[in-house]
Amino acid sequence: MKEIPTEHQEQTAFINWWAENIEHLIFAIPNGEKRAMSVAKRLKSEGQVNGIPDLFCPALNLWVEMKRKQKGVLSDDQKSIIEYLQSIEHTVIIAKGANDAILQIKKLFYSNFKNN
């Protein structure tokens, strides 16, 4: 049986595609993963917010929340943050894998590619 790629693998594949096709900066926002309680408290005091999407592209006002192709589910915090971002007219893509993210980007921003 074929193994489902992890969210990390999907996000890495998407970032590699982005670097080859889009001329705008995109960066990761490392909010996830388990941490020691002391680290979690320090990051929270520095402004870390649960539910922030995984990636942000300032030039396109675009947030990308990456999920696995299967079994990827939004948390309540993520739903709340995404709703807020959309209410202030930010674009948010919720992608089920790298290929889904790429297809959504192509639909939204086709003219921003290096190689149309």
C-alpha atoms as a PDB file:
ATOM      1  CA  MET A   1       0.000   0.000   0.000  1.00  0.00           C
ATOM      2  CA  LYS A   2       1.296   3.440  -0.951  1.00  0.00           C
ATOM      3  CA  GLU A   3       2.169   5.668   1.991  1.00  0.00           C
ATOM      4  CA  ILE A   4       0.430   9.049   2.244  1.00  0.00           C
ATOM      5  CA  PRO A   5       3.001  11.883   2.112  1.00  0.00           C
ATOM      6  CA  THR A   6       3.347  13.871   5.317  1.00  0.00           C
ATOM      7  CA  GLU A   7       2.335  17.512   5.527  1.00  0.00           C
ATOM      8  CA  HIS A   8       6.063  18.344   5.645  1.00  0.00           C
ATOM      9  CA  GLN A   9       6.677  16.450   2.396  1.00  0.00           C
ATOM     10  CA  GLU A  10       3.704  18.136   0.710  1.00  0.00           C
ATOM     11  CA  GLN A  11       4.807  21.597   1.831  1.00  0.00           C
ATOM     12  CA  THR A  12       8.395  20.958   0.697  1.00  0.00           C
ATOM     13  CA  ALA A  13       7.188  19.850  -2.744  1.00  0.00           C
ATOM     14  CA  PHE A  14       5.013  22.963  -3.011  1.00  0.00           C
ATOM     15  CA  ILE A  15       7.842  25.294  -1.965  1.00  0.00           C
ATOM     16  CA  ASN A  16      10.159  23.685  -4.538  1.00  0.00           C
ATOM     17  CA  TRP A  17       7.531  24.243  -7.248  1.00  0.00           C
ATOM     18  CA  TRP A  18       7.006  27.840  -6.079  1.00  0.00           C
ATOM     19  CA  ALA A  19      10.730  28.626  -6.291  1.00  0.00           C
ATOM     20  CA  GLU A  20      10.771  27.461  -9.914  1.00  0.00           C
ATOM     21  CA  ASN A  21       7.571  29.202 -11.013  1.00  0.00           C
ATOM     22  CA  ILE A  22       6.700  32.255  -8.920  1.00  0.00           C
ATOM     23  CA  GLU A  23       8.902  35.317  -8.550  1.00  0.00           C
ATOM     24  CA  HIS A  24       7.494  36.429  -5.200  1.00  0.00           C
ATOM     25  CA  LEU A  25       8.791  35.694  -1.726  1.00  0.00           C
ATOM     26  CA  ILE A  26       6.892  33.082   0.245  1.00  0.00           C
ATOM     27  CA  PHE A  27       7.897  32.043   3.741  1.00  0.00           C
ATOM     28  CA  ALA A  28       6.914  29.529   6.373  1.00  0.00           C
ATOM     29  CA  ILE A  29       5.423  30.428   9.710  1.00  0.00           C
ATOM     30  CA  PRO A  30       6.542  27.673  12.089  1.00  0.00           C
ATOM     31  CA  ASN A  31       3.571  27.446  14.428  1.00  0.00           C
ATOM     32  CA  GLY A  32       3.132  23.696  14.587  1.00  0.00           C
ATOM     33  CA  GLU A  33       4.978  20.795  16.129  1.00  0.00           C
ATOM     34  CA  LYS A  34       5.285  19.689  19.687  1.00  0.00           C
ATOM     35  CA  ARG A  35       7.646  21.728  21.852  1.00  0.00           C
ATOM     36  CA  ALA A  36       8.877  21.822  25.381  1.00  0.00           C
ATOM     37  CA  MET A  37       6.483  23.804  27.583  1.00  0.00           C
ATOM     38  CA  SER A  38       9.185  26.427  28.255  1.00  0.00           C
ATOM     39  CA  VAL A  39       9.667  26.992  24.511  1.00  0.00           C
ATOM     40  CA  ALA A  40       5.917  27.153  23.888  1.00  0.00           C
ATOM     41  CA  LYS A  41       5.498  29.776  26.629  1.00  0.00           C
ATOM     42  CA  ARG A  42       8.393  31.841  25.272  1.00  0.00           C
ATOM     43  CA  LEU A  43       7.030  31.763  21.717  1.00  0.00           C
ATOM     44  CA  LYS A  44       3.531  32.663  22.937  1.00  0.00           C
ATOM     45  CA  SER A  45       4.952  35.679  24.803  1.00  0.00           C
ATOM     46  CA  GLU A  46       6.725  36.721  21.569  1.00  0.00           C
ATOM     47  CA  GLY A  47       3.453  36.739  19.628  1.00  0.00           C
ATOM     48  CA  GLN A  48       3.011  33.206  18.323  1.00  0.00           C
ATOM     49  CA  VAL A  49      -0.681  32.638  17.534  1.00  0.00           C
ATOM     50  CA  ASN A  50      -2.253  29.204  17.176  1.00  0.00           C
ATOM     51  CA  GLY A  51      -3.975  28.587  13.866  1.00  0.00           C
ATOM     52  CA  ILE A  52      -1.904  30.881  11.624  1.00  0.00           C
ATOM     53  CA  PRO A  53      -1.556  29.286   8.158  1.00  0.00           C
ATOM     54  CA  ASP A  54       1.710  27.600   7.227  1.00  0.00           C
ATOM     55  CA  LEU A  55       2.919  29.962   4.490  1.00  0.00           C
ATOM     56  CA  PHE A  56       2.597  33.649   3.580  1.00  0.00           C
ATOM     57  CA  CYS A  57       3.344  35.568   0.369  1.00  0.00           C
ATOM     58  CA  PRO A  58       3.170  39.331   1.125  1.00  0.00           C
ATOM     59  CA  ALA A  59       3.224  40.473  -2.522  1.00  0.00           C
ATOM     60  CA  LEU A  60       0.090  38.462  -3.299  1.00  0.00           C
ATOM     61  CA  ASN A  61      -1.535  38.915   0.118  1.00  0.00           C
ATOM     62  CA  LEU A  62      -1.750  35.131   0.141  1.00  0.00           C
ATOM     63  CA  TRP A  63      -1.803  32.633   2.976  1.00  0.00           C
ATOM     64  CA  VAL A  64      -1.471  28.894   2.345  1.00  0.00           C
ATOM     65  CA  GLU A  65      -2.556  26.255   4.821  1.00  0.00           C
ATOM     66  CA  MET A  66      -1.049  22.928   3.796  1.00  0.00           C
ATOM     67  CA  LYS A  67      -2.719  19.644   4.674  1.00  0.00           C
ATOM     68  CA  ARG A  68      -2.060  16.059   3.736  1.00  0.00           C
ATOM     69  CA  LYS A  69      -3.977  14.689   0.756  1.00  0.00           C
ATOM     70  CA  GLN A  70      -5.853  12.455   3.152  1.00  0.00           C
ATOM     71  CA  LYS A  71      -6.614  12.870   6.834  1.00  0.00           C
ATOM     72  CA  GLY A  72      -5.665  16.565   6.879  1.00  0.00           C
ATOM     73  CA  VAL A  73      -8.187  18.441   9.019  1.00  0.00           C
ATOM     74  CA  LEU A  74      -8.357  22.083  10.077  1.00  0.00           C
ATOM     75  CA  SER A  75      -8.278  22.747  13.815  1.00  0.00           C
ATOM     76  CA  ASP A  76     -10.802  25.105  15.400  1.00  0.00           C
ATOM     77  CA  ASP A  77      -7.990  27.677  15.805  1.00  0.00           C
ATOM     78  CA  GLN A  78      -7.158  27.398  12.103  1.00  0.00           C
ATOM     79  CA  LYS A  79     -10.794  27.804  11.095  1.00  0.00           C
ATOM     80  CA  SER A  80     -11.087  30.911  13.246  1.00  0.00           C
ATOM     81  CA  ILE A  81      -7.886  32.513  11.923  1.00  0.00           C
ATOM     82  CA  ILE A  82      -8.769  31.718   8.296  1.00  0.00           C
ATOM     83  CA  GLU A  83     -12.212  33.249   8.767  1.00  0.00           C
ATOM     84  CA  TYR A  84     -10.599  36.375  10.219  1.00  0.00           C
ATOM     85  CA  LEU A  85      -8.031  36.649   7.388  1.00  0.00           C
ATOM     86  CA  GLN A  86     -10.758  36.304   4.768  1.00  0.00           C
ATOM     87  CA  SER A  87     -12.871  38.933   6.549  1.00  0.00           C
ATOM     88  CA  ILE A  88     -10.056  41.468   6.067  1.00  0.00           C
ATOM     89  CA  GLU A  89      -9.791  40.518   2.383  1.00  0.00           C
ATOM     90  CA  HIS A  90      -6.722  38.299   2.512  1.00  0.00           C
ATOM     91  CA  THR A  91      -6.627  35.305   0.180  1.00  0.00           C
ATOM     92  CA  VAL A  92      -6.337  31.963   1.946  1.00  0.00           C
ATOM     93  CA  ILE A  93      -5.776  28.655   0.198  1.00  0.00           C
ATOM     94  CA  ILE A  94      -6.422  25.448   2.079  1.00  0.00           C
ATOM     95  CA  ALA A  95      -4.505  22.852   0.101  1.00  0.00           C
ATOM     96  CA  LYS A  96      -4.868  19.082   0.284  1.00  0.00           C
ATOM     97  CA  GLY A  97      -1.335  18.323  -0.828  1.00  0.00           C
ATOM     98  CA  ALA A  98       1.179  20.060  -3.079  1.00  0.00           C
ATOM     99  CA  ASN A  99      -0.669  19.367  -6.330  1.00  0.00           C
ATOM    100  CA  ASP A 100      -3.863  20.897  -4.961  1.00  0.00           C
ATOM    101  CA  ALA A 101      -1.937  23.988  -3.806  1.00  0.00           C
ATOM    102  CA  ILE A 102      -0.351  24.350  -7.245  1.00  0.00           C
ATOM    103  CA  LEU A 103      -3.710  24.060  -9.019  1.00  0.00           C
ATOM    104  CA  GLN A 104      -5.272  26.671  -6.732  1.00  0.00           C
ATOM    105  CA  ILE A 105      -2.332  29.059  -7.275  1.00  0.00           C
ATOM    106  CA  LYS A 106      -2.586  28.636 -11.047  1.00  0.00           C
ATOM    107  CA  LYS A 107      -6.293  29.465 -10.959  1.00  0.00           C
ATOM    108  CA  LEU A 108      -5.773  32.577  -8.829  1.00  0.00           C
ATOM    109  CA  PHE A 109      -2.458  34.012 -10.034  1.00  0.00           C
ATOM    110  CA  TYR A 110      -1.668  32.603 -13.474  1.00  0.00           C
ATOM    111  CA  SER A 111      -0.145  35.900 -14.719  1.00  0.00           C
ATOM    112  CA  ASN A 112       2.498  35.899 -11.948  1.00  0.00           C
ATOM    113  CA  PHE A 113       4.377  32.864 -13.289  1.00  0.00           C
ATOM    114  CA  LYS A 114       7.879  33.089 -14.740  1.00  0.00           C
ATOM    115  CA  ASN A 115       6.902  30.566 -17.419  1.00  0.00           C
ATOM    116  CA  ASN A 116       3.267  30.925 -18.451  1.00  0.00           C
END
